[in-house]
Amino acid sequence: MSIFTNGNTLTVTVRGPGELYLLSYQSNAQLGNNVGSLTTASEGITKFVISHSYTYERFAFFFAGEGEAVYSVGSGLLRRPVGKNWKEASLVSWGSESVTTEDVEEIASGANSVDGEGTMFIVYQDN
């Protein structure tokens, strides 16, 4: 089942403070690429949901923080490490059933900054 379908969302769980970065690129409407981040100051657990935009076909993300960060898909129990920089970013392509790793540093460096406006949200925070 594709990751971005009803009830099958992408969740990133982190321990400790840091920033989750998201790059939305390869627009099917010829729009510019967008990169943004969302910060957590929590010393505990924070859960982010990464949503999608029908306008973009690829979504790369990583967590910059000292603690661990893992992603999961839907209600599945499988947890995998999240990338730590743009050279080793976690990547989901539209229609894909899995998350891969890709170097998107060059794409991210030329993207529009949309901090606080990206399609990612904090859904849980344990202070």
PDB file of N, CA and C in Angstrom:
ATOM      1  N   MET A   1       0.847  -1.174   0.000  1.00  0.00           N
ATOM      2  CA  MET A   1       0.000   0.000   0.000  1.00  0.00           C
ATOM      3  C   MET A   1       0.896   1.242   0.000  1.00  0.00           C
ATOM      4  N   SER A   2       0.561   2.190  -0.813  1.00  0.00           N
ATOM      5  CA  SER A   2       1.309   3.441  -0.901  1.00  0.00           C
ATOM      6  C   SER A   2       1.332   4.162   0.451  1.00  0.00           C
ATOM      7  N   ILE A   3       2.454   4.804   0.756  1.00  0.00           N
ATOM      8  CA  ILE A   3       2.598   5.485   2.044  1.00  0.00           C
ATOM      9  C   ILE A   3       1.580   6.598   2.214  1.00  0.00           C
ATOM     10  N   PHE A   4       1.381   7.420   1.202  1.00  0.00           N
ATOM     11  CA  PHE A   4       0.460   8.549   1.339  1.00  0.00           C
ATOM     12  C   PHE A   4      -0.949   8.184   0.863  1.00  0.00           C
ATOM     13  N   THR A   5      -1.608   7.288   1.596  1.00  0.00           N
ATOM     14  CA  THR A   5      -3.013   6.965   1.356  1.00  0.00           C
ATOM     15  C   THR A   5      -3.759   7.132   2.673  1.00  0.00           C
ATOM     16  N   ASN A   6      -5.080   7.154   2.622  1.00  0.00           N
ATOM     17  CA  ASN A   6      -5.877   7.334   3.841  1.00  0.00           C
ATOM     18  C   ASN A   6      -5.457   6.365   4.932  1.00  0.00           C
ATOM     19  N   GLY A   7      -5.161   6.905   6.103  1.00  0.00           N
ATOM     20  CA  GLY A   7      -4.826   6.083   7.256  1.00  0.00           C
ATOM     21  C   GLY A   7      -3.430   5.502   7.232  1.00  0.00           C
ATOM     22  N   ASN A   8      -2.629   5.843   6.261  1.00  0.00           N
ATOM     23  CA  ASN A   8      -1.287   5.275   6.139  1.00  0.00           C
ATOM     24  C   ASN A   8      -0.264   6.400   6.096  1.00  0.00           C
ATOM     25  N   THR A   9      -0.121   7.078   7.196  1.00  0.00           N
ATOM     26  CA  THR A   9       0.726   8.270   7.238  1.00  0.00           C
ATOM     27  C   THR A   9       2.165   7.942   7.609  1.00  0.00           C
ATOM     28  N   LEU A  10       3.037   8.894   7.430  1.00  0.00           N
ATOM     29  CA  LEU A  10       4.448   8.774   7.770  1.00  0.00           C
ATOM     30  C   LEU A  10       4.682   9.536   9.069  1.00  0.00           C
ATOM     31  N   THR A  11       5.178   8.836  10.095  1.00  0.00           N
ATOM     32  CA  THR A  11       5.421   9.436  11.402  1.00  0.00           C
ATOM     33  C   THR A  11       6.908   9.380  11.720  1.00  0.00           C
ATOM     34  N   VAL A  12       7.443  10.480  12.236  1.00  0.00           N
ATOM     35  CA  VAL A  12       8.834  10.530  12.692  1.00  0.00           C
ATOM     36  C   VAL A  12       8.809  10.744  14.200  1.00  0.00           C
ATOM     37  N   THR A  13       9.468   9.857  14.938  1.00  0.00           N
ATOM     38  CA  THR A  13       9.542   9.941  16.395  1.00  0.00           C
ATOM     39  C   THR A  13      10.984  10.236  16.781  1.00  0.00           C
ATOM     40  N   VAL A  14      11.174  11.281  17.600  1.00  0.00           N
ATOM     41  CA  VAL A  14      12.529  11.683  17.997  1.00  0.00           C
ATOM     42  C   VAL A  14      12.614  11.765  19.519  1.00  0.00           C
ATOM     43  N   ARG A  15      13.844  11.609  20.008  1.00  0.00           N
ATOM     44  CA  ARG A  15      14.104  11.777  21.436  1.00  0.00           C
ATOM     45  C   ARG A  15      15.064  12.949  21.584  1.00  0.00           C
ATOM     46  N   GLY A  16      14.617  13.961  22.319  1.00  0.00           N
ATOM     47  CA  GLY A  16      15.463  15.123  22.557  1.00  0.00           C
ATOM     48  C   GLY A  16      15.216  16.249  21.574  1.00  0.00           C
ATOM     49  N   PRO A  17      15.826  17.403  21.854  1.00  0.00           N
ATOM     50  CA  PRO A  17      15.612  18.585  21.022  1.00  0.00           C
ATOM     51  C   PRO A  17      16.281  18.466  19.652  1.00  0.00           C
ATOM     52  N   GLY A  18      15.758  19.231  18.711  1.00  0.00           N
ATOM     53  CA  GLY A  18      16.342  19.262  17.373  1.00  0.00           C
ATOM     54  C   GLY A  18      15.350  19.793  16.360  1.00  0.00           C
ATOM     55  N   GLU A  19      15.714  19.672  15.088  1.00  0.00           N
ATOM     56  CA  GLU A  19      14.867  20.160  14.006  1.00  0.00           C
ATOM     57  C   GLU A  19      14.623  19.062  12.987  1.00  0.00           C
ATOM     58  N   LEU A  20      13.372  18.929  12.573  1.00  0.00           N
ATOM     59  CA  LEU A  20      13.016  18.038  11.477  1.00  0.00           C
ATOM     60  C   LEU A  20      12.937  18.895  10.218  1.00  0.00           C
ATOM     61  N   TYR A  21      13.686  18.510   9.201  1.00  0.00           N
ATOM     62  CA  TYR A  21      13.708  19.230   7.925  1.00  0.00           C
ATOM     63  C   TYR A  21      12.947  18.428   6.879  1.00  0.00           C
ATOM     64  N   LEU A  22      12.207  19.132   6.027  1.00  0.00           N
ATOM     65  CA  LEU A  22      11.446  18.492   4.952  1.00  0.00           C
ATOM     66  C   LEU A  22      11.664  19.250   3.653  1.00  0.00           C
ATOM     67  N   LEU A  23      12.032  18.523   2.616  1.00  0.00           N
ATOM     68  CA  LEU A  23      12.181  19.061   1.266  1.00  0.00           C
ATOM     69  C   LEU A  23      11.094  18.457   0.395  1.00  0.00           C
ATOM     70  N   SER A  24      10.241  19.297  -0.171  1.00  0.00           N
ATOM     71  CA  SER A  24       9.219  18.860  -1.130  1.00  0.00           C
ATOM     72  C   SER A  24       9.699  19.308  -2.499  1.00  0.00           C
ATOM     73  N   TYR A  25       9.874  18.352  -3.419  1.00  0.00           N
ATOM     74  CA  TYR A  25      10.427  18.719  -4.722  1.00  0.00           C
ATOM     75  C   TYR A  25       9.845  17.861  -5.841  1.00  0.00           C
ATOM     76  N   GLN A  26      10.259  18.171  -7.047  1.00  0.00           N
ATOM     77  CA  GLN A  26       9.758  17.561  -8.279  1.00  0.00           C
ATOM     78  C   GLN A  26       8.260  17.841  -8.418  1.00  0.00           C
ATOM     79  N   SER A  27       7.949  19.110  -8.612  1.00  0.00           N
ATOM     80  CA  SER A  27       6.560  19.559  -8.725  1.00  0.00           C
ATOM     81  C   SER A  27       5.951  19.141 -10.054  1.00  0.00           C
ATOM     82  N   ASN A  28       4.726  18.620  -9.996  1.00  0.00           N
ATOM     83  CA  ASN A  28       4.015  18.277 -11.227  1.00  0.00           C
ATOM     84  C   ASN A  28       3.271  19.488 -11.779  1.00  0.00           C
ATOM     85  N   ALA A  29       3.409  20.643 -11.108  1.00  0.00           N
ATOM     86  CA  ALA A  29       2.781  21.892 -11.557  1.00  0.00           C
ATOM     87  C   ALA A  29       3.852  22.948 -11.868  1.00  0.00           C
ATOM     88  N   GLN A  30       5.099  22.486 -12.021  1.00  0.00           N
ATOM     89  CA  GLN A  30       6.228  23.356 -12.344  1.00  0.00           C
ATOM     90  C   GLN A  30       6.462  24.450 -11.298  1.00  0.00           C
ATOM     91  N   LEU A  31       6.182  24.152 -10.037  1.00  0.00           N
ATOM     92  CA  LEU A  31       6.462  25.077  -8.939  1.00  0.00           C
ATOM     93  C   LEU A  31       7.881  24.847  -8.435  1.00  0.00           C
ATOM     94  N   GLY A  32       8.416  25.819  -7.708  1.00  0.00           N
ATOM     95  CA  GLY A  32       9.746  25.678  -7.134  1.00  0.00           C
ATOM     96  C   GLY A  32       9.765  24.664  -6.003  1.00  0.00           C
ATOM     97  N   ASN A  33      10.938  24.156  -5.704  1.00  0.00           N
ATOM     98  CA  ASN A  33      11.105  23.225  -4.590  1.00  0.00           C
ATOM     99  C   ASN A  33      11.034  23.995  -3.279  1.00  0.00           C
ATOM    100  N   ASN A  34      10.532  23.346  -2.232  1.00  0.00           N
ATOM    101  CA  ASN A  34      10.374  23.987  -0.924  1.00  0.00           C
ATOM    102  C   ASN A  34      11.095  23.192   0.150  1.00  0.00           C
ATOM    103  N   VAL A  35      11.762  23.908   1.058  1.00  0.00           N
ATOM    104  CA  VAL A  35      12.404  23.266   2.198  1.00  0.00           C
ATOM    105  C   VAL A  35      12.038  24.045   3.455  1.00  0.00           C
ATOM    106  N   GLY A  36      11.712  23.315   4.503  1.00  0.00           N
ATOM    107  CA  GLY A  36      11.357  23.949   5.764  1.00  0.00           C
ATOM    108  C   GLY A  36      11.731  23.053   6.923  1.00  0.00           C
ATOM    109  N   SER A  37      11.631  23.598   8.117  1.00  0.00           N
ATOM    110  CA  SER A  37      11.945  22.814   9.305  1.00  0.00           C
ATOM    111  C   SER A  37      10.952  23.129  10.410  1.00  0.00           C
ATOM    112  N   LEU A  38      10.882  22.222  11.348  1.00  0.00           N
ATOM    113  CA  LEU A  38      10.033  22.366  12.526  1.00  0.00           C
ATOM    114  C   LEU A  38      10.890  21.961  13.717  1.00  0.00           C
ATOM    115  N   THR A  39      10.906  22.783  14.758  1.00  0.00           N
ATOM    116  CA  THR A  39      11.798  22.587  15.900  1.00  0.00           C
ATOM    117  C   THR A  39      11.054  22.028  17.102  1.00  0.00           C
ATOM    118  N   THR A  40      11.731  21.132  17.827  1.00  0.00           N
ATOM    119  CA  THR A  40      11.249  20.689  19.128  1.00  0.00           C
ATOM    120  C   THR A  40      12.337  20.990  20.156  1.00  0.00           C
ATOM    121  N   ALA A  41      11.928  21.527  21.297  1.00  0.00           N
ATOM    122  CA  ALA A  41      12.856  21.791  22.398  1.00  0.00           C
ATOM    123  C   ALA A  41      12.711  20.740  23.493  1.00  0.00           C
ATOM    124  N   SER A  42      11.813  19.789  23.290  1.00  0.00           N
ATOM    125  CA  SER A  42      11.533  18.764  24.289  1.00  0.00           C
ATOM    126  C   SER A  42      12.748  17.870  24.531  1.00  0.00           C
ATOM    127  N   GLU A  43      13.011  17.570  25.804  1.00  0.00           N
ATOM    128  CA  GLU A  43      14.059  16.613  26.159  1.00  0.00           C
ATOM    129  C   GLU A  43      13.528  15.184  26.054  1.00  0.00           C
ATOM    130  N   GLY A  44      12.215  15.053  25.945  1.00  0.00           N
ATOM    131  CA  GLY A  44      11.585  13.744  25.853  1.00  0.00           C
ATOM    132  C   GLY A  44      11.311  13.345  24.412  1.00  0.00           C
ATOM    133  N   ILE A  45      10.151  12.724  24.217  1.00  0.00           N
ATOM    134  CA  ILE A  45       9.741  12.209  22.910  1.00  0.00           C
ATOM    135  C   ILE A  45       8.868  13.235  22.189  1.00  0.00           C
ATOM    136  N   THR A  46       9.128  13.425  20.904  1.00  0.00           N
ATOM    137  CA  THR A  46       8.272  14.238  20.041  1.00  0.00           C
ATOM    138  C   THR A  46       7.917  13.402  18.824  1.00  0.00           C
ATOM    139  N   LYS A  47       6.637  13.444  18.437  1.00  0.00           N
ATOM    140  CA  LYS A  47       6.195  12.751  17.223  1.00  0.00           C
ATOM    141  C   LYS A  47       5.736  13.779  16.205  1.00  0.00           C
ATOM    142  N   PHE A  48       6.267  13.640  14.997  1.00  0.00           N
ATOM    143  CA  PHE A  48       5.899  14.489  13.871  1.00  0.00           C
ATOM    144  C   PHE A  48       5.134  13.644  12.854  1.00  0.00           C
ATOM    145  N   VAL A  49       4.192  14.244  12.184  1.00  0.00           N
ATOM    146  CA  VAL A  49       3.552  13.623  11.028  1.00  0.00           C
ATOM    147  C   VAL A  49       4.031  14.379   9.803  1.00  0.00           C
ATOM    148  N   ILE A  50       4.484  13.645   8.799  1.00  0.00           N
ATOM    149  CA  ILE A  50       4.843  14.252   7.519  1.00  0.00           C
ATOM    150  C   ILE A  50       3.708  13.956   6.562  1.00  0.00           C
ATOM    151  N   SER A  51       3.063  15.010   6.124  1.00  0.00           N
ATOM    152  CA  SER A  51       1.964  14.880   5.175  1.00  0.00           C
ATOM    153  C   SER A  51       2.518  15.055   3.766  1.00  0.00           C
ATOM    154  N   HIS A  52       1.644  15.135   2.804  1.00  0.00           N
ATOM    155  CA  HIS A  52       2.074  15.289   1.418  1.00  0.00           C
ATOM    156  C   HIS A  52       1.360  16.465   0.782  1.00  0.00           C
ATOM    157  N   SER A  53       1.782  16.800  -0.388  1.00  0.00           N
ATOM    158  CA  SER A  53       1.130  17.818  -1.202  1.00  0.00           C
ATOM    159  C   SER A  53       0.936  17.193  -2.573  1.00  0.00           C
ATOM    160  N   TYR A  54      -0.241  17.305  -3.119  1.00  0.00           N
ATOM    161  CA  TYR A  54      -0.491  16.724  -4.436  1.00  0.00           C
ATOM    162  C   TYR A  54       0.344  17.390  -5.523  1.00  0.00           C
ATOM    163  N   THR A  55       0.934  18.528  -5.218  1.00  0.00           N
ATOM    164  CA  THR A  55       1.722  19.277  -6.196  1.00  0.00           C
ATOM    165  C   THR A  55       3.147  18.744  -6.317  1.00  0.00           C
ATOM    166  N   TYR A  56       3.628  18.018  -5.314  1.00  0.00           N
ATOM    167  CA  TYR A  56       5.002  17.516  -5.326  1.00  0.00           C
ATOM    168  C   TYR A  56       5.010  15.996  -5.346  1.00  0.00           C
ATOM    169  N   GLU A  57       6.056  15.431  -5.941  1.00  0.00           N
ATOM    170  CA  GLU A  57       6.141  13.981  -6.103  1.00  0.00           C
ATOM    171  C   GLU A  57       7.222  13.326  -5.255  1.00  0.00           C
ATOM    172  N   ARG A  58       8.102  14.129  -4.647  1.00  0.00           N
ATOM    173  CA  ARG A  58       9.164  13.566  -3.815  1.00  0.00           C
ATOM    174  C   ARG A  58       9.296  14.383  -2.535  1.00  0.00           C
ATOM    175  N   PHE A  59       9.539  13.658  -1.437  1.00  0.00           N
ATOM    176  CA  PHE A  59       9.619  14.272  -0.114  1.00  0.00           C
ATOM    177  C   PHE A  59      10.831  13.690   0.617  1.00  0.00           C
ATOM    178  N   ALA A  60      11.824  14.531   0.885  1.00  0.00           N
ATOM    179  CA  ALA A  60      13.029  14.097   1.592  1.00  0.00           C
ATOM    180  C   ALA A  60      13.037  14.754   2.969  1.00  0.00           C
ATOM    181  N   PHE A  61      13.517  14.033   3.969  1.00  0.00           N
ATOM    182  CA  PHE A  61      13.522  14.579   5.323  1.00  0.00           C
ATOM    183  C   PHE A  61      14.703  14.042   6.115  1.00  0.00           C
ATOM    184  N   PHE A  62      15.094  14.827   7.135  1.00  0.00           N
ATOM    185  CA  PHE A  62      16.111  14.369   8.074  1.00  0.00           C
ATOM    186  C   PHE A  62      15.922  15.094   9.394  1.00  0.00           C
ATOM    187  N   PHE A  63      16.529  14.541  10.461  1.00  0.00           N
ATOM    188  CA  PHE A  63      16.445  15.139  11.787  1.00  0.00           C
ATOM    189  C   PHE A  63      17.831  15.574  12.224  1.00  0.00           C
ATOM    190  N   ALA A  64      17.959  16.851  12.585  1.00  0.00           N
ATOM    191  CA  ALA A  64      19.213  17.399  13.111  1.00  0.00           C
ATOM    192  C   ALA A  64      19.044  17.576  14.611  1.00  0.00           C
ATOM    193  N   GLY A  65      19.598  16.662  15.366  1.00  0.00           N
ATOM    194  CA  GLY A  65      19.506  16.701  16.815  1.00  0.00           C
ATOM    195  C   GLY A  65      20.460  15.677  17.396  1.00  0.00           C
ATOM    196  N   GLU A  66      20.648  15.721  18.695  1.00  0.00           N
ATOM    197  CA  GLU A  66      21.583  14.796  19.325  1.00  0.00           C
ATOM    198  C   GLU A  66      20.955  13.445  19.633  1.00  0.00           C
ATOM    199  N   GLY A  67      19.636  13.415  19.752  1.00  0.00           N
ATOM    200  CA  GLY A  67      18.954  12.171  20.076  1.00  0.00           C
ATOM    201  C   GLY A  67      18.654  11.338  18.848  1.00  0.00           C
ATOM    202  N   GLU A  68      18.084  10.159  19.099  1.00  0.00           N
ATOM    203  CA  GLU A  68      17.741   9.277  17.992  1.00  0.00           C
ATOM    204  C   GLU A  68      16.450   9.728  17.315  1.00  0.00           C
ATOM    205  N   ALA A  69      16.281   9.319  16.069  1.00  0.00           N
ATOM    206  CA  ALA A  69      15.078   9.630  15.304  1.00  0.00           C
ATOM    207  C   ALA A  69      14.759   8.440  14.411  1.00  0.00           C
ATOM    208  N   VAL A  70      13.506   8.000  14.450  1.00  0.00           N
ATOM    209  CA  VAL A  70      13.064   6.879  13.622  1.00  0.00           C
ATOM    210  C   VAL A  70      11.763   7.249  12.926  1.00  0.00           C
ATOM    211  N   TYR A  71      11.489   6.585  11.812  1.00  0.00           N
ATOM    212  CA  TYR A  71      10.212   6.787  11.134  1.00  0.00           C
ATOM    213  C   TYR A  71       9.425   5.488  11.154  1.00  0.00           C
ATOM    214  N   SER A  72       8.126   5.618  11.022  1.00  0.00           N
ATOM    215  CA  SER A  72       7.238   4.467  10.880  1.00  0.00           C
ATOM    216  C   SER A  72       6.150   4.848   9.884  1.00  0.00           C
ATOM    217  N   VAL A  73       5.497   3.837   9.337  1.00  0.00           N
ATOM    218  CA  VAL A  73       4.456   4.059   8.338  1.00  0.00           C
ATOM    219  C   VAL A  73       3.150   3.457   8.836  1.00  0.00           C
ATOM    220  N   GLY A  74       2.107   4.284   8.875  1.00  0.00           N
ATOM    221  CA  GLY A  74       0.783   3.810   9.273  1.00  0.00           C
ATOM    222  C   GLY A  74       0.800   3.180  10.649  1.00  0.00           C
ATOM    223  N   SER A  75       0.091   2.067  10.784  1.00  0.00           N
ATOM    224  CA  SER A  75       0.023   1.376  12.069  1.00  0.00           C
ATOM    225  C   SER A  75       1.080   0.284  12.178  1.00  0.00           C
ATOM    226  N   GLY A  76       1.999   0.233  11.210  1.00  0.00           N
ATOM    227  CA  GLY A  76       3.054  -0.778  11.232  1.00  0.00           C
ATOM    228  C   GLY A  76       3.987  -0.607  12.417  1.00  0.00           C
ATOM    229  N   LEU A  77       4.564  -1.700  12.864  1.00  0.00           N
ATOM    230  CA  LEU A  77       5.469  -1.681  14.011  1.00  0.00           C
ATOM    231  C   LEU A  77       6.922  -1.470  13.617  1.00  0.00           C
ATOM    232  N   LEU A  78       7.239  -1.569  12.339  1.00  0.00           N
ATOM    233  CA  LEU A  78       8.609  -1.406  11.875  1.00  0.00           C
ATOM    234  C   LEU A  78       9.081   0.031  12.065  1.00  0.00           C
ATOM    235  N   ARG A  79      10.263   0.187  12.655  1.00  0.00           N
ATOM    236  CA  ARG A  79      10.880   1.496  12.859  1.00  0.00           C
ATOM    237  C   ARG A  79      12.251   1.475  12.199  1.00  0.00           C
ATOM    238  N   ARG A  80      12.562   2.535  11.478  1.00  0.00           N
ATOM    239  CA  ARG A  80      13.865   2.646  10.813  1.00  0.00           C
ATOM    240  C   ARG A  80      14.475   4.009  11.124  1.00  0.00           C
ATOM    241  N   PRO A  81      15.806   4.110  11.137  1.00  0.00           N
ATOM    242  CA  PRO A  81      16.455   5.394  11.415  1.00  0.00           C
ATOM    243  C   PRO A  81      16.150   6.436  10.336  1.00  0.00           C
ATOM    244  N   VAL A  82      16.036   7.685  10.764  1.00  0.00           N
ATOM    245  CA  VAL A  82      15.830   8.823   9.868  1.00  0.00           C
ATOM    246  C   VAL A  82      17.203   9.369   9.485  1.00  0.00           C
ATOM    247  N   GLY A  83      17.322   9.884   8.267  1.00  0.00           N
ATOM    248  CA  GLY A  83      18.565  10.505   7.828  1.00  0.00           C
ATOM    249  C   GLY A  83      19.004  11.620   8.769  1.00  0.00           C
ATOM    250  N   LYS A  84      20.315  11.946   8.745  1.00  0.00           N
ATOM    251  CA  LYS A  84      20.860  12.968   9.646  1.00  0.00           C
ATOM    252  C   LYS A  84      21.315  14.223   8.912  1.00  0.00           C
ATOM    253  N   ASN A  85      21.227  14.225   7.586  1.00  0.00           N
ATOM    254  CA  ASN A  85      21.612  15.392   6.781  1.00  0.00           C
ATOM    255  C   ASN A  85      21.069  15.205   5.366  1.00  0.00           C
ATOM    256  N   TRP A  86      21.229  16.229   4.525  1.00  0.00           N
ATOM    257  CA  TRP A  86      20.700  16.155   3.154  1.00  0.00           C
ATOM    258  C   TRP A  86      21.454  15.148   2.297  1.00  0.00           C
ATOM    259  N   LYS A  87      22.700  14.824   2.631  1.00  0.00           N
ATOM    260  CA  LYS A  87      23.451  13.843   1.840  1.00  0.00           C
ATOM    261  C   LYS A  87      22.919  12.427   2.059  1.00  0.00           C
ATOM    262  N   GLU A  88      22.303  12.198   3.202  1.00  0.00           N
ATOM    263  CA  GLU A  88      21.752  10.879   3.538  1.00  0.00           C
ATOM    264  C   GLU A  88      20.316  11.036   4.029  1.00  0.00           C
ATOM    265  N   ALA A  89      19.533  11.763   3.257  1.00  0.00           N
ATOM    266  CA  ALA A  89      18.154  12.051   3.657  1.00  0.00           C
ATOM    267  C   ALA A  89      17.256  10.834   3.438  1.00  0.00           C
ATOM    268  N   SER A  90      16.243  10.720   4.267  1.00  0.00           N
ATOM    269  CA  SER A  90      15.193   9.729   4.044  1.00  0.00           C
ATOM    270  C   SER A  90      14.285  10.294   2.960  1.00  0.00           C
ATOM    271  N   LEU A  91      13.820   9.440   2.046  1.00  0.00           N
ATOM    272  CA  LEU A  91      13.073   9.911   0.883  1.00  0.00           C
ATOM    273  C   LEU A  91      11.846   9.049   0.622  1.00  0.00           C
ATOM    274  N   VAL A  92      10.722   9.718   0.364  1.00  0.00           N
ATOM    275  CA  VAL A  92       9.500   9.037  -0.065  1.00  0.00           C
ATOM    276  C   VAL A  92       9.090   9.633  -1.403  1.00  0.00           C
ATOM    277  N   SER A  93       8.875   8.784  -2.379  1.00  0.00           N
ATOM    278  CA  SER A  93       8.351   9.228  -3.671  1.00  0.00           C
ATOM    279  C   SER A  93       6.857   8.958  -3.699  1.00  0.00           C
ATOM    280  N   TRP A  94       6.118   9.839  -4.367  1.00  0.00           N
ATOM    281  CA  TRP A  94       4.666   9.684  -4.465  1.00  0.00           C
ATOM    282  C   TRP A  94       4.347   8.304  -5.032  1.00  0.00           C
ATOM    283  N   GLY A  95       3.436   7.584  -4.391  1.00  0.00           N
ATOM    284  CA  GLY A  95       3.029   6.259  -4.835  1.00  0.00           C
ATOM    285  C   GLY A  95       3.906   5.135  -4.322  1.00  0.00           C
ATOM    286  N   SER A  96       4.999   5.469  -3.643  1.00  0.00           N
ATOM    287  CA  SER A  96       5.929   4.467  -3.146  1.00  0.00           C
ATOM    288  C   SER A  96       5.380   3.766  -1.905  1.00  0.00           C
ATOM    289  N   GLU A  97       5.832   2.546  -1.719  1.00  0.00           N
ATOM    290  CA  GLU A  97       5.465   1.778  -0.535  1.00  0.00           C
ATOM    291  C   GLU A  97       6.589   1.753   0.489  1.00  0.00           C
ATOM    292  N   SER A  98       7.707   2.406   0.183  1.00  0.00           N
ATOM    293  CA  SER A  98       8.845   2.351   1.099  1.00  0.00           C
ATOM    294  C   SER A  98       9.587   3.685   1.139  1.00  0.00           C
ATOM    295  N   VAL A  99      10.415   3.807   2.168  1.00  0.00           N
ATOM    296  CA  VAL A  99      11.282   4.972   2.344  1.00  0.00           C
ATOM    297  C   VAL A  99      12.687   4.537   1.945  1.00  0.00           C
ATOM    298  N   THR A 100      13.371   5.369   1.173  1.00  0.00           N
ATOM    299  CA  THR A 100      14.734   5.071   0.751  1.00  0.00           C
ATOM    300  C   THR A 100      15.664   6.168   1.276  1.00  0.00           C
ATOM    301  N   THR A 101      16.933   6.072   0.937  1.00  0.00           N
ATOM    302  CA  THR A 101      17.917   7.089   1.311  1.00  0.00           C
ATOM    303  C   THR A 101      18.478   7.699   0.040  1.00  0.00           C
ATOM    304  N   GLU A 102      18.612   9.027   0.022  1.00  0.00           N
ATOM    305  CA  GLU A 102      19.113   9.693  -1.180  1.00  0.00           C
ATOM    306  C   GLU A 102      19.864  10.975  -0.816  1.00  0.00           C
ATOM    307  N   ASP A 103      20.848  11.322  -1.634  1.00  0.00           N
ATOM    308  CA  ASP A 103      21.584  12.576  -1.496  1.00  0.00           C
ATOM    309  C   ASP A 103      20.806  13.658  -2.240  1.00  0.00           C
ATOM    310  N   VAL A 104      20.204  14.586  -1.488  1.00  0.00           N
ATOM    311  CA  VAL A 104      19.415  15.672  -2.088  1.00  0.00           C
ATOM    312  C   VAL A 104      20.003  17.035  -1.724  1.00  0.00           C
ATOM    313  N   GLU A 105      21.271  17.045  -1.319  1.00  0.00           N
ATOM    314  CA  GLU A 105      21.899  18.284  -0.857  1.00  0.00           C
ATOM    315  C   GLU A 105      21.831  19.395  -1.908  1.00  0.00           C
ATOM    316  N   GLU A 106      22.117  19.089  -3.158  1.00  0.00           N
ATOM    317  CA  GLU A 106      22.099  20.108  -4.210  1.00  0.00           C
ATOM    318  C   GLU A 106      20.688  20.654  -4.434  1.00  0.00           C
ATOM    319  N   ILE A 107      19.699  19.786  -4.414  1.00  0.00           N
ATOM    320  CA  ILE A 107      18.307  20.221  -4.599  1.00  0.00           C
ATOM    321  C   ILE A 107      17.874  21.104  -3.431  1.00  0.00           C
ATOM    322  N   ALA A 108      18.200  20.678  -2.202  1.00  0.00           N
ATOM    323  CA  ALA A 108      17.799  21.431  -1.008  1.00  0.00           C
ATOM    324  C   ALA A 108      18.444  22.811  -0.966  1.00  0.00           C
ATOM    325  N   SER A 109      19.676  22.920  -1.429  1.00  0.00           N
ATOM    326  CA  SER A 109      20.379  24.207  -1.350  1.00  0.00           C
ATOM    327  C   SER A 109      19.732  25.279  -2.223  1.00  0.00           C
ATOM    328  N   GLY A 110      19.011  24.890  -3.264  1.00  0.00           N
ATOM    329  CA  GLY A 110      18.360  25.859  -4.139  1.00  0.00           C
ATOM    330  C   GLY A 110      16.870  26.005  -3.912  1.00  0.00           C
ATOM    331  N   ALA A 111      16.348  25.363  -2.863  1.00  0.00           N
ATOM    332  CA  ALA A 111      14.899  25.374  -2.615  1.00  0.00           C
ATOM    333  C   ALA A 111      14.455  26.635  -1.873  1.00  0.00           C
ATOM    334  N   ASN A 112      13.184  26.973  -2.032  1.00  0.00           N
ATOM    335  CA  ASN A 112      12.570  28.094  -1.309  1.00  0.00           C
ATOM    336  C   ASN A 112      12.432  27.735   0.164  1.00  0.00           C
ATOM    337  N   SER A 113      12.720  28.669   1.060  1.00  0.00           N
ATOM    338  CA  SER A 113      12.579  28.442   2.497  1.00  0.00           C
ATOM    339  C   SER A 113      11.129  28.649   2.926  1.00  0.00           C
ATOM    340  N   VAL A 114      10.570  27.632   3.568  1.00  0.00           N
ATOM    341  CA  VAL A 114       9.180  27.710   4.046  1.00  0.00           C
ATOM    342  C   VAL A 114       9.094  27.234   5.497  1.00  0.00           C
ATOM    343  N   ASP A 115      10.037  27.667   6.338  1.00  0.00           N
ATOM    344  CA  ASP A 115      10.031  27.257   7.745  1.00  0.00           C
ATOM    345  C   ASP A 115       8.672  27.533   8.378  1.00  0.00           C
ATOM    346  N   GLY A 116       8.150  26.532   9.061  1.00  0.00           N
ATOM    347  CA  GLY A 116       6.862  26.664   9.739  1.00  0.00           C
ATOM    348  C   GLY A 116       5.662  26.577   8.820  1.00  0.00           C
ATOM    349  N   GLU A 117       5.883  26.424   7.528  1.00  0.00           N
ATOM    350  CA  GLU A 117       4.776  26.361   6.573  1.00  0.00           C
ATOM    351  C   GLU A 117       4.754  25.056   5.789  1.00  0.00           C
ATOM    352  N   GLY A 118       5.646  24.140   6.095  1.00  0.00           N
ATOM    353  CA  GLY A 118       5.707  22.877   5.367  1.00  0.00           C
ATOM    354  C   GLY A 118       4.589  21.943   5.776  1.00  0.00           C
ATOM    355  N   THR A 119       4.532  20.790   5.130  1.00  0.00           N
ATOM    356  CA  THR A 119       3.475  19.819   5.411  1.00  0.00           C
ATOM    357  C   THR A 119       3.943  18.802   6.451  1.00  0.00           C
ATOM    358  N   MET A 120       4.388  19.314   7.602  1.00  0.00           N
ATOM    359  CA  MET A 120       4.749  18.466   8.741  1.00  0.00           C
ATOM    360  C   MET A 120       4.215  19.119  10.005  1.00  0.00           C
ATOM    361  N   PHE A 121       3.844  18.276  10.951  1.00  0.00           N
ATOM    362  CA  PHE A 121       3.142  18.763  12.130  1.00  0.00           C
ATOM    363  C   PHE A 121       3.594  17.980  13.351  1.00  0.00           C
ATOM    364  N   ILE A 122       3.681  18.652  14.513  1.00  0.00           N
ATOM    365  CA  ILE A 122       3.944  17.951  15.770  1.00  0.00           C
ATOM    366  C   ILE A 122       2.605  17.456  16.300  1.00  0.00           C
ATOM    367  N   VAL A 123       2.514  16.152  16.538  1.00  0.00           N
ATOM    368  CA  VAL A 123       1.259  15.579  17.027  1.00  0.00           C
ATOM    369  C   VAL A 123       1.360  15.084  18.469  1.00  0.00           C
ATOM    370  N   TYR A 124       2.581  15.005  19.005  1.00  0.00           N
ATOM    371  CA  TYR A 124       2.756  14.575  20.393  1.00  0.00           C
ATOM    372  C   TYR A 124       4.082  15.110  20.896  1.00  0.00           C
ATOM    373  N   GLN A 125       4.087  15.562  22.142  1.00  0.00           N
ATOM    374  CA  GLN A 125       5.322  16.030  22.751  1.00  0.00           C
ATOM    375  C   GLN A 125       5.302  15.699  24.232  1.00  0.00           C
ATOM    376  N   ASP A 126       6.333  14.984  24.686  1.00  0.00           N
ATOM    377  CA  ASP A 126       6.492  14.609  26.087  1.00  0.00           C
ATOM    378  C   ASP A 126       7.588  15.483  26.668  1.00  0.00           C
ATOM    379  N   ASN A 127       7.209  16.422  27.515  1.00  0.00           N
ATOM    380  CA  ASN A 127       8.208  17.326  28.089  1.00  0.00           C
ATOM    381  C   ASN A 127       8.861  16.629  29.217  1.00  0.00           C
TER     382      ASN A 127
END
